[in-house]
PDB file of N, CA and C in Angstrom:
ATOM      1  N   MET A   1      15.007  81.698 -10.880  1.00  0.00           N
ATOM      2  CA  MET A   1      16.734  82.730 -11.227  1.00  0.00           C
ATOM      3  C   MET A   1      17.165  82.900  -9.308  1.00  0.00           C
ATOM      4  N   THR A   2      16.001  83.418  -8.333  1.00  0.00           N
ATOM      5  CA  THR A   2      16.456  83.807  -6.921  1.00  0.00           C
ATOM      6  C   THR A   2      16.962  82.349  -6.009  1.00  0.00           C
ATOM      7  N   SER A   3      16.503  81.409  -6.813  1.00  0.00           N
ATOM      8  CA  SER A   3      17.179  79.746  -6.429  1.00  0.00           C
ATOM      9  C   SER A   3      17.968  79.853  -6.225  1.00  0.00           C
ATOM     10  N   ILE A   4      19.081  79.938  -7.064  1.00  0.00           N
ATOM     11  CA  ILE A   4      20.314  80.168  -7.952  1.00  0.00           C
ATOM     12  C   ILE A   4      21.146  81.287  -7.394  1.00  0.00           C
ATOM     13  N   LEU A   5      20.313  82.641  -7.381  1.00  0.00           N
ATOM     14  CA  LEU A   5      20.942  83.390  -7.005  1.00  0.00           C
ATOM     15  C   LEU A   5      21.293  83.161  -4.405  1.00  0.00           C
ATOM     16  N   ASN A   6      20.526  82.493  -4.390  1.00  0.00           N
ATOM     17  CA  ASN A   6      20.630  82.351  -2.606  1.00  0.00           C
ATOM     18  C   ASN A   6      20.062  81.141  -2.848  1.00  0.00           C
ATOM     19  N   PRO A   7      20.809  80.135  -2.901  1.00  0.00           N
ATOM     20  CA  PRO A   7      20.298  78.758  -2.558  1.00  0.00           C
ATOM     21  C   PRO A   7      19.783  77.888  -1.021  1.00  0.00           C
ATOM     22  N   GLY A   8      20.257  78.283  -0.425  1.00  0.00           N
ATOM     23  CA  GLY A   8      19.807  78.523   0.921  1.00  0.00           C
ATOM     24  C   GLY A   8      18.449  78.952   1.818  1.00  0.00           C
ATOM     25  N   LYS A   9      18.639  79.845   1.105  1.00  0.00           N
ATOM     26  CA  LYS A   9      16.858  80.696   1.461  1.00  0.00           C
ATOM     27  C   LYS A   9      15.604  80.200   2.065  1.00  0.00           C
ATOM     28  N   ALA A  10      15.045  78.698   1.056  1.00  0.00           N
ATOM     29  CA  ALA A  10      14.273  77.756   1.653  1.00  0.00           C
ATOM     30  C   ALA A  10      14.532  77.259   3.018  1.00  0.00           C
ATOM     31  N   ALA A  11      15.738  76.688   3.201  1.00  0.00           N
ATOM     32  CA  ALA A  11      15.865  76.181   4.217  1.00  0.00           C
ATOM     33  C   ALA A  11      15.859  77.184   5.641  1.00  0.00           C
ATOM     34  N   GLN A  12      16.604  78.147   5.676  1.00  0.00           N
ATOM     35  CA  GLN A  12      16.366  79.028   6.526  1.00  0.00           C
ATOM     36  C   GLN A  12      15.347  80.031   6.882  1.00  0.00           C
ATOM     37  N   GLU A  13      14.330  79.731   5.879  1.00  0.00           N
ATOM     38  CA  GLU A  13      13.262  80.485   6.084  1.00  0.00           C
ATOM     39  C   GLU A  13      12.838  79.275   7.110  1.00  0.00           C
ATOM     40  N   ALA A  14      12.633  77.933   6.984  1.00  0.00           N
ATOM     41  CA  ALA A  14      12.001  76.535   7.298  1.00  0.00           C
ATOM     42  C   ALA A  14      13.171  76.811   8.664  1.00  0.00           C
ATOM     43  N   ALA A  15      14.394  77.130   9.168  1.00  0.00           N
ATOM     44  CA  ALA A  15      14.576  77.036  10.437  1.00  0.00           C
ATOM     45  C   ALA A  15      13.828  78.014  11.286  1.00  0.00           C
ATOM     46  N   GLU A  16      13.537  79.204  10.370  1.00  0.00           N
ATOM     47  CA  GLU A  16      13.168  80.702  11.461  1.00  0.00           C
ATOM     48  C   GLU A  16      11.627  79.912  11.557  1.00  0.00           C
ATOM     49  N   LYS A  17      10.779  79.061  11.092  1.00  0.00           N
ATOM     50  CA  LYS A  17       9.244  78.730  11.170  1.00  0.00           C
ATOM     51  C   LYS A  17       9.241  77.956  12.462  1.00  0.00           C
ATOM     52  N   GLN A  18      10.521  76.690  11.856  1.00  0.00           N
ATOM     53  CA  GLN A  18      10.575  75.791  13.082  1.00  0.00           C
ATOM     54  C   GLN A  18      10.646  76.582  14.391  1.00  0.00           C
ATOM     55  N   LYS A  19      11.711  77.527  14.330  1.00  0.00           N
ATOM     56  CA  LYS A  19      11.774  77.959  15.700  1.00  0.00           C
ATOM     57  C   LYS A  19      11.312  78.750  16.652  1.00  0.00           C
ATOM     58  N   ALA A  20      10.363  79.461  15.534  1.00  0.00           N
ATOM     59  CA  ALA A  20       9.132  80.632  16.584  1.00  0.00           C
ATOM     60  C   ALA A  20       8.252  79.184  16.627  1.00  0.00           C
ATOM     61  N   GLN A  21       7.937  78.508  16.068  1.00  0.00           N
ATOM     62  CA  GLN A  21       6.588  77.600  16.691  1.00  0.00           C
ATOM     63  C   GLN A  21       7.400  76.776  18.014  1.00  0.00           C
ATOM     64  N   GLN A  22       8.787  76.427  18.102  1.00  0.00           N
ATOM     65  CA  GLN A  22       9.235  75.837  19.189  1.00  0.00           C
ATOM     66  C   GLN A  22       8.637  76.565  20.313  1.00  0.00           C
ATOM     67  N   ALA A  23       9.766  77.617  20.136  1.00  0.00           N
ATOM     68  CA  ALA A  23       9.243  78.610  21.296  1.00  0.00           C
ATOM     69  C   ALA A  23       7.328  78.871  21.772  1.00  0.00           C
ATOM     70  N   VAL A  24       6.941  79.438  21.238  1.00  0.00           N
ATOM     71  CA  VAL A  24       5.435  78.933  20.946  1.00  0.00           C
ATOM     72  C   VAL A  24       5.441  77.653  22.265  1.00  0.00           C
ATOM     73  N   ALA A  25       5.777  77.025  21.587  1.00  0.00           N
ATOM     74  CA  ALA A  25       5.428  75.863  21.974  1.00  0.00           C
ATOM     75  C   ALA A  25       5.752  75.371  23.424  1.00  0.00           C
ATOM     76  N   ASN A  26       7.300  76.160  24.116  1.00  0.00           N
ATOM     77  CA  ASN A  26       7.689  75.838  25.059  1.00  0.00           C
ATOM     78  C   ASN A  26       7.056  76.888  25.949  1.00  0.00           C
ATOM     79  N   ASP A  27       6.474  78.010  25.714  1.00  0.00           N
ATOM     80  CA  ASP A  27       5.582  79.125  26.347  1.00  0.00           C
ATOM     81  C   ASP A  27       4.423  78.608  26.731  1.00  0.00           C
ATOM     82  N   ARG A  28       4.209  77.571  26.122  1.00  0.00           N
ATOM     83  CA  ARG A  28       2.886  77.055  26.284  1.00  0.00           C
ATOM     84  C   ARG A  28       2.804  76.055  27.467  1.00  0.00           C
ATOM     85  N   GLN A  29       3.767  75.078  26.946  1.00  0.00           N
ATOM     86  CA  GLN A  29       3.824  74.312  28.214  1.00  0.00           C
ATOM     87  C   GLN A  29       4.297  74.823  29.789  1.00  0.00           C
ATOM     88  N   LEU A  30       5.375  76.113  30.069  1.00  0.00           N
ATOM     89  CA  LEU A  30       6.008  76.736  31.088  1.00  0.00           C
ATOM     90  C   LEU A  30       4.401  77.490  31.224  1.00  0.00           C
ATOM     91  N   ALA A  31       3.560  78.275  30.786  1.00  0.00           N
ATOM     92  CA  ALA A  31       2.604  78.677  31.017  1.00  0.00           C
ATOM     93  C   ALA A  31       1.194  77.407  32.227  1.00  0.00           C
ATOM     94  N   GLU A  32       0.865  75.962  31.453  1.00  0.00           N
ATOM     95  CA  GLU A  32       0.735  74.897  31.910  1.00  0.00           C
ATOM     96  C   GLU A  32       1.533  74.448  33.324  1.00  0.00           C
ATOM     97  N   LEU A  33       3.016  74.269  33.203  1.00  0.00           N
ATOM     98  CA  LEU A  33       3.344  74.077  34.456  1.00  0.00           C
ATOM     99  C   LEU A  33       2.581  75.120  35.404  1.00  0.00           C
ATOM    100  N   ARG A  34       3.412  76.224  35.429  1.00  0.00           N
ATOM    101  CA  ARG A  34       2.946  77.570  36.300  1.00  0.00           C
ATOM    102  C   ARG A  34       1.236  77.279  36.780  1.00  0.00           C
ATOM    103  N   ASN A  35       0.733  76.863  35.813  1.00  0.00           N
ATOM    104  CA  ASN A  35      -1.076  76.974  36.209  1.00  0.00           C
ATOM    105  C   ASN A  35      -1.466  75.518  36.665  1.00  0.00           C
ATOM    106  N   ASP A  36      -0.734  74.663  36.672  1.00  0.00           N
ATOM    107  CA  ASP A  36      -0.910  73.346  37.184  1.00  0.00           C
ATOM    108  C   ASP A  36      -0.345  73.534  39.098  1.00  0.00           C
ATOM    109  N   ASP A  37       0.793  74.749  38.801  1.00  0.00           N
ATOM    110  CA  ASP A  37       1.473  74.720  40.055  1.00  0.00           C
ATOM    111  C   ASP A  37       0.770  75.670  41.350  1.00  0.00           C
ATOM    112  N   ALA A  38       0.795  76.269  40.499  1.00  0.00           N
ATOM    113  CA  ALA A  38      -0.541  77.355  41.257  1.00  0.00           C
ATOM    114  C   ALA A  38      -2.291  76.991  41.894  1.00  0.00           C
ATOM    115  N   THR A  39      -2.841  76.017  41.109  1.00  0.00           N
ATOM    116  CA  THR A  39      -3.911  75.177  41.081  1.00  0.00           C
ATOM    117  C   THR A  39      -3.931  74.763  42.538  1.00  0.00           C
ATOM    118  N   SER A  40      -2.912  73.941  42.375  1.00  0.00           N
ATOM    119  CA  SER A  40      -2.360  72.652  43.103  1.00  0.00           C
ATOM    120  C   SER A  40      -2.785  73.137  44.762  1.00  0.00           C
ATOM    121  N   GLY A  41      -2.368  74.222  44.986  1.00  0.00           N
ATOM    122  CA  GLY A  41      -2.376  73.926  46.412  1.00  0.00           C
ATOM    123  C   GLY A  41      -1.395  74.026  47.415  1.00  0.00           C
ATOM    124  N   ALA A  42      -0.189  73.196  46.845  1.00  0.00           N
ATOM    125  CA  ALA A  42       0.801  73.061  47.300  1.00  0.00           C
ATOM    126  C   ALA A  42       1.681  73.785  47.289  1.00  0.00           C
ATOM    127  N   THR A  43       2.379  73.810  48.503  1.00  0.00           N
ATOM    128  CA  THR A  43       4.037  74.797  49.050  1.00  0.00           C
ATOM    129  C   THR A  43       4.636  74.805  48.971  1.00  0.00           C
ATOM    130  N   ARG A  44       5.853  74.833  47.871  1.00  0.00           N
ATOM    131  CA  ARG A  44       7.437  73.796  48.000  1.00  0.00           C
ATOM    132  C   ARG A  44       8.415  74.502  49.433  1.00  0.00           C
ATOM    133  N   ARG A  45       8.958  74.244  49.909  1.00  0.00           N
ATOM    134  CA  ARG A  45      10.171  74.518  50.866  1.00  0.00           C
ATOM    135  C   ARG A  45      11.322  73.204  50.177  1.00  0.00           C
ATOM    136  N   ASN A  46      12.387  74.532  50.594  1.00  0.00           N
ATOM    137  CA  ASN A  46      14.154  73.371  50.459  1.00  0.00           C
ATOM    138  C   ASN A  46      13.619  72.638  51.579  1.00  0.00           C
ATOM    139  N   PRO A  47      14.144  70.962  51.666  1.00  0.00           N
ATOM    140  CA  PRO A  47      14.357  70.415  53.005  1.00  0.00           C
ATOM    141  C   PRO A  47      15.346  71.051  53.772  1.00  0.00           C
ATOM    142  N   ARG A  48      15.038  71.272  55.257  1.00  0.00           N
ATOM    143  CA  ARG A  48      16.401  70.918  56.322  1.00  0.00           C
ATOM    144  C   ARG A  48      16.910  70.310  56.422  1.00  0.00           C
ATOM    145  N   GLY A  49      17.112  70.337  57.444  1.00  0.00           N
ATOM    146  CA  GLY A  49      18.700  69.540  58.428  1.00  0.00           C
ATOM    147  C   GLY A  49      18.604  67.677  58.115  1.00  0.00           C
ATOM    148  N   ARG A  50      18.094  67.064  59.041  1.00  0.00           N
ATOM    149  CA  ARG A  50      18.212  65.281  58.494  1.00  0.00           C
ATOM    150  C   ARG A  50      17.366  64.850  57.453  1.00  0.00           C
ATOM    151  N   ARG A  51      16.262  65.816  57.141  1.00  0.00           N
ATOM    152  CA  ARG A  51      15.831  64.832  56.282  1.00  0.00           C
ATOM    153  C   ARG A  51      16.228  64.111  54.712  1.00  0.00           C
ATOM    154  N   LEU A  52      17.400  65.237  55.021  1.00  0.00           N
ATOM    155  CA  LEU A  52      18.079  65.256  53.366  1.00  0.00           C
ATOM    156  C   LEU A  52      19.119  63.582  53.478  1.00  0.00           C
ATOM    157  N   PHE A  53      19.566  63.266  54.614  1.00  0.00           N
ATOM    158  CA  PHE A  53      20.265  62.332  54.862  1.00  0.00           C
ATOM    159  C   PHE A  53      19.089  60.669  55.066  1.00  0.00           C
ATOM    160  N   VAL A  54      18.050  61.366  55.986  1.00  0.00           N
ATOM    161  CA  VAL A  54      17.656  59.551  56.147  1.00  0.00           C
ATOM    162  C   VAL A  54      16.309  59.421  55.375  1.00  0.00           C
ATOM    163  N   GLY A  55      16.057  58.075  55.080  1.00  0.00           N
ATOM    164  CA  GLY A  55      15.303  58.112  54.195  1.00  0.00           C
ATOM    165  C   GLY A  55      13.943  57.915  55.436  1.00  0.00           C
ATOM    166  N   ASP A  56      13.764  57.402  56.396  1.00  0.00           N
ATOM    167  CA  ASP A  56      12.279  58.032  56.584  1.00  0.00           C
ATOM    168  C   ASP A  56      11.972  59.184  58.102  1.00  0.00           C
ATOM    169  N   ALA A  57      11.692  60.100  58.213  1.00  0.00           N
ATOM    170  CA  ALA A  57      12.347  61.694  58.908  1.00  0.00           C
ATOM    171  C   ALA A  57      11.612  61.129  60.049  1.00  0.00           C
ATOM    172  N   ALA A  58      10.188  60.499  60.108  1.00  0.00           N
ATOM    173  CA  ALA A  58       9.384  60.413  61.069  1.00  0.00           C
ATOM    174  C   ALA A  58      10.258  59.389  61.884  1.00  0.00           C
ATOM    175  N   SER A  59      10.764  58.181  61.389  1.00  0.00           N
ATOM    176  CA  SER A  59      11.636  57.191  62.429  1.00  0.00           C
ATOM    177  C   SER A  59      12.669  57.768  63.029  1.00  0.00           C
ATOM    178  N   LYS A  60      13.520  58.655  62.604  1.00  0.00           N
ATOM    179  CA  LYS A  60      14.491  59.092  63.454  1.00  0.00           C
ATOM    180  C   LYS A  60      14.355  60.906  64.126  1.00  0.00           C
ATOM    181  N   THR A  61      14.166  60.005  65.893  1.00  0.00           N
ATOM    182  CA  THR A  61      13.744  60.957  66.519  1.00  0.00           C
ATOM    183  C   THR A  61      15.246  61.391  67.866  1.00  0.00           C
ATOM    184  N   ASP A  62      16.414  61.099  67.328  1.00  0.00           N
ATOM    185  CA  ASP A  62      17.753  61.700  68.028  1.00  0.00           C
ATOM    186  C   ASP A  62      18.428  62.587  66.635  1.00  0.00           C
ATOM    187  N   LEU A  63      19.092  63.263  67.849  1.00  0.00           N
ATOM    188  CA  LEU A  63      20.213  63.096  66.526  1.00  0.00           C
ATOM    189  C   LEU A  63      21.400  63.074  66.754  1.00  0.00           C
ATOM    190  N   SER A  64      21.584  61.781  67.033  1.00  0.00           N
ATOM    191  CA  SER A  64      23.003  61.601  66.696  1.00  0.00           C
ATOM    192  C   SER A  64      22.800  59.971  65.449  1.00  0.00           C
TER     193      SER A  64
END
């Protein structure tokens, strides 16, 4: 009788369950990425100056 009165309830519950599972998966993936970044020991900085425009910055010694 309830399926007649509210036909989309099962689909709505399935969608909510899927959304909750996806949120958990996203949180786990983000936590893993942050953990990998923290354990790698590498520092990330934005590149500055001509290094943005030169393929090999070591070979470019003059400012022209």
